Amino acid sequence: MVAPWSGFWERNAFAQAPLLAGWLSNAFFRGAVSGIGLITAIAGLAELAGAFRRRTPDAEVDQQQTG
């Protein structure tokens, strides 16, 4: 994982490129990357929760039919 607040962020090959160094060291850009990562994580958890909710009613219906 490459997080904008980690030391690896400043030591990667892209940070050494002159054209990208300014963007990658900008606090606003780092915050935007962090925000996008947070939104992605929340969306993934919501999708995972939805998958578990969909699975539960099917299992209950199967038990009632065989029981």
N, C-alpha and C. Protein backbone atom coordinates (compact mmCIF):
# COMPACT_ATOMS: atom_id res chain seq x y z
N MET A 1 0.85 -1.17 0.00
CA MET A 1 0.00 0.00 0.00
C MET A 1 0.90 1.24 0.00
N VAL A 2 0.61 2.16 -0.86
CA VAL A 2 1.35 3.41 -0.93
C VAL A 2 0.43 4.52 -0.45
N ALA A 3 0.62 4.93 0.77
CA ALA A 3 -0.21 5.99 1.35
C ALA A 3 0.54 7.32 1.25
N PRO A 4 -0.18 8.40 0.99
CA PRO A 4 0.46 9.71 0.84
C PRO A 4 1.19 10.19 2.09
N TRP A 5 0.88 9.64 3.24
CA TRP A 5 1.53 10.09 4.47
C TRP A 5 2.70 9.18 4.85
N SER A 6 2.96 8.11 4.07
CA SER A 6 4.06 7.20 4.38
C SER A 6 5.37 7.71 3.78
N GLY A 7 6.46 7.20 4.29
CA GLY A 7 7.77 7.58 3.77
C GLY A 7 8.00 7.07 2.36
N PHE A 8 7.37 5.95 2.01
CA PHE A 8 7.53 5.40 0.67
C PHE A 8 7.01 6.35 -0.40
N TRP A 9 6.01 7.15 -0.07
CA TRP A 9 5.44 8.10 -1.02
C TRP A 9 6.51 9.04 -1.57
N GLU A 10 7.43 9.46 -0.73
CA GLU A 10 8.47 10.40 -1.15
C GLU A 10 9.67 9.71 -1.77
N ARG A 11 9.80 8.38 -1.59
CA ARG A 11 10.95 7.66 -2.12
C ARG A 11 10.64 6.88 -3.39
N ASN A 12 9.43 6.93 -3.91
CA ASN A 12 9.11 6.14 -5.11
C ASN A 12 9.67 6.83 -6.36
N ALA A 13 9.68 6.11 -7.45
CA ALA A 13 10.29 6.61 -8.69
C ALA A 13 9.54 7.82 -9.25
N PHE A 14 8.23 7.87 -9.06
CA PHE A 14 7.45 8.99 -9.59
C PHE A 14 7.76 10.29 -8.86
N ALA A 15 8.06 10.20 -7.57
CA ALA A 15 8.37 11.40 -6.79
C ALA A 15 9.70 12.01 -7.21
N GLN A 16 10.56 11.22 -7.83
CA GLN A 16 11.86 11.72 -8.27
C GLN A 16 11.78 12.41 -9.64
N ALA A 17 10.69 12.18 -10.37
CA ALA A 17 10.53 12.81 -11.69
C ALA A 17 10.26 14.30 -11.51
N PRO A 18 10.98 15.15 -12.24
CA PRO A 18 10.82 16.60 -12.06
C PRO A 18 9.41 17.11 -12.32
N LEU A 19 8.72 16.53 -13.29
CA LEU A 19 7.38 17.01 -13.62
C LEU A 19 6.35 16.65 -12.55
N LEU A 20 6.53 15.55 -11.86
CA LEU A 20 5.55 15.09 -10.87
C LEU A 20 5.91 15.45 -9.44
N ALA A 21 7.15 15.79 -9.18
CA ALA A 21 7.60 16.04 -7.81
C ALA A 21 6.79 17.14 -7.13
N GLY A 22 6.47 18.18 -7.85
CA GLY A 22 5.68 19.28 -7.28
C GLY A 22 4.27 18.84 -6.88
N TRP A 23 3.64 18.08 -7.74
CA TRP A 23 2.28 17.59 -7.45
C TRP A 23 2.27 16.61 -6.27
N LEU A 24 3.22 15.67 -6.29
CA LEU A 24 3.24 14.63 -5.27
C LEU A 24 3.62 15.15 -3.89
N SER A 25 4.29 16.28 -3.82
CA SER A 25 4.64 16.84 -2.51
C SER A 25 3.60 17.83 -2.01
N ASN A 26 2.62 18.17 -2.83
CA ASN A 26 1.58 19.12 -2.47
C ASN A 26 0.62 18.49 -1.45
N ALA A 27 0.36 19.19 -0.36
CA ALA A 27 -0.51 18.69 0.71
C ALA A 27 -1.95 18.50 0.21
N PHE A 28 -2.42 19.37 -0.66
CA PHE A 28 -3.78 19.24 -1.19
C PHE A 28 -3.92 17.99 -2.05
N PHE A 29 -2.90 17.69 -2.85
CA PHE A 29 -2.92 16.48 -3.68
C PHE A 29 -2.91 15.24 -2.80
N ARG A 30 -2.08 15.25 -1.77
CA ARG A 30 -2.03 14.11 -0.84
C ARG A 30 -3.38 13.92 -0.15
N GLY A 31 -4.01 15.01 0.23
CA GLY A 31 -5.34 14.93 0.85
C GLY A 31 -6.38 14.37 -0.11
N ALA A 32 -6.29 14.76 -1.37
CA ALA A 32 -7.23 14.23 -2.38
C ALA A 32 -7.04 12.73 -2.57
N VAL A 33 -5.80 12.29 -2.61
CA VAL A 33 -5.53 10.85 -2.74
C VAL A 33 -6.06 10.10 -1.53
N SER A 34 -5.86 10.66 -0.35
CA SER A 34 -6.37 10.04 0.87
C SER A 34 -7.90 9.99 0.85
N GLY A 35 -8.53 11.07 0.41
CA GLY A 35 -9.99 11.12 0.34
C GLY A 35 -10.56 10.11 -0.63
N ILE A 36 -9.94 9.99 -1.79
CA ILE A 36 -10.39 9.00 -2.77
C ILE A 36 -10.23 7.59 -2.22
N GLY A 37 -9.13 7.35 -1.51
CA GLY A 37 -8.92 6.04 -0.89
C GLY A 37 -9.96 5.74 0.17
N LEU A 38 -10.33 6.74 0.95
CA LEU A 38 -11.36 6.56 1.98
C LEU A 38 -12.72 6.27 1.36
N ILE A 39 -13.06 7.01 0.32
CA ILE A 39 -14.33 6.77 -0.37
C ILE A 39 -14.36 5.38 -0.98
N THR A 40 -13.27 4.95 -1.56
CA THR A 40 -13.18 3.61 -2.15
C THR A 40 -13.33 2.53 -1.08
N ALA A 41 -12.71 2.73 0.07
CA ALA A 41 -12.82 1.76 1.16
C ALA A 41 -14.25 1.67 1.69
N ILE A 42 -14.91 2.81 1.85
CA ILE A 42 -16.29 2.82 2.33
C ILE A 42 -17.22 2.15 1.32
N ALA A 43 -17.01 2.43 0.03
CA ALA A 43 -17.83 1.80 -1.00
C ALA A 43 -17.62 0.29 -1.03
N GLY A 44 -16.40 -0.15 -0.85
CA GLY A 44 -16.12 -1.58 -0.81
C GLY A 44 -16.78 -2.26 0.37
N LEU A 45 -16.73 -1.64 1.53
CA LEU A 45 -17.39 -2.20 2.72
C LEU A 45 -18.90 -2.24 2.55
N ALA A 46 -19.46 -1.21 1.94
CA ALA A 46 -20.91 -1.19 1.71
C ALA A 46 -21.31 -2.30 0.74
N GLU A 47 -20.51 -2.51 -0.28
CA GLU A 47 -20.81 -3.58 -1.23
C GLU A 47 -20.67 -4.96 -0.57
N LEU A 48 -19.69 -5.11 0.27
CA LEU A 48 -19.50 -6.37 1.00
C LEU A 48 -20.67 -6.63 1.95
N ALA A 49 -21.12 -5.60 2.64
CA ALA A 49 -22.28 -5.74 3.53
C ALA A 49 -23.52 -6.12 2.73
N GLY A 50 -23.69 -5.53 1.57
CA GLY A 50 -24.82 -5.87 0.71
C GLY A 50 -24.78 -7.31 0.24
N ALA A 51 -23.59 -7.81 -0.03
CA ALA A 51 -23.45 -9.21 -0.46
C ALA A 51 -23.84 -10.15 0.68
N PHE A 52 -23.47 -9.82 1.90
CA PHE A 52 -23.84 -10.66 3.04
C PHE A 52 -25.34 -10.61 3.29
N ARG A 53 -25.94 -9.43 3.11
CA ARG A 53 -27.40 -9.31 3.31
C ARG A 53 -28.16 -10.11 2.27
N ARG A 54 -27.70 -10.13 1.04
CA ARG A 54 -28.38 -10.90 -0.01
C ARG A 54 -28.26 -12.40 0.22
N ARG A 55 -27.18 -12.83 0.81
CA ARG A 55 -26.94 -14.25 1.02
C ARG A 55 -27.84 -14.79 2.15
N THR A 56 -28.11 -14.03 3.17
CA THR A 56 -28.84 -14.50 4.35
C THR A 56 -30.28 -14.93 4.04
N PRO A 57 -31.11 -14.15 3.34
CA PRO A 57 -32.50 -14.60 3.09
C PRO A 57 -32.57 -15.88 2.26
N ASP A 58 -31.68 -16.10 1.33
CA ASP A 58 -31.69 -17.31 0.53
C ASP A 58 -31.44 -18.54 1.40
N ALA A 59 -30.54 -18.42 2.35
CA ALA A 59 -30.24 -19.54 3.23
C ALA A 59 -31.45 -19.87 4.11
N GLU A 60 -32.18 -18.85 4.56
CA GLU A 60 -33.36 -19.08 5.39
C GLU A 60 -34.47 -19.75 4.59
N VAL A 61 -34.66 -19.37 3.33
CA VAL A 61 -35.67 -19.97 2.48
C VAL A 61 -35.35 -21.44 2.23
N ASP A 62 -34.08 -21.76 1.99
CA ASP A 62 -33.67 -23.14 1.77
C ASP A 62 -33.93 -24.01 3.00
N GLN A 63 -33.68 -23.48 4.18
CA GLN A 63 -33.91 -24.23 5.41
C GLN A 63 -35.39 -24.49 5.62
N GLN A 64 -36.24 -23.54 5.30
CA GLN A 64 -37.68 -23.70 5.49
C GLN A 64 -38.24 -24.75 4.52
N GLN A 65 -37.73 -24.80 3.31
CA GLN A 65 -38.23 -25.73 2.32
C GLN A 65 -37.80 -27.17 2.62
N THR A 66 -36.61 -27.35 3.18
CA THR A 66 -36.11 -28.69 3.47
C THR A 66 -36.52 -29.16 4.85
N GLY A 67 -36.88 -28.24 5.71
CA GLY A 67 -37.14 -28.53 7.12
C GLY A 67 -38.45 -29.12 7.37
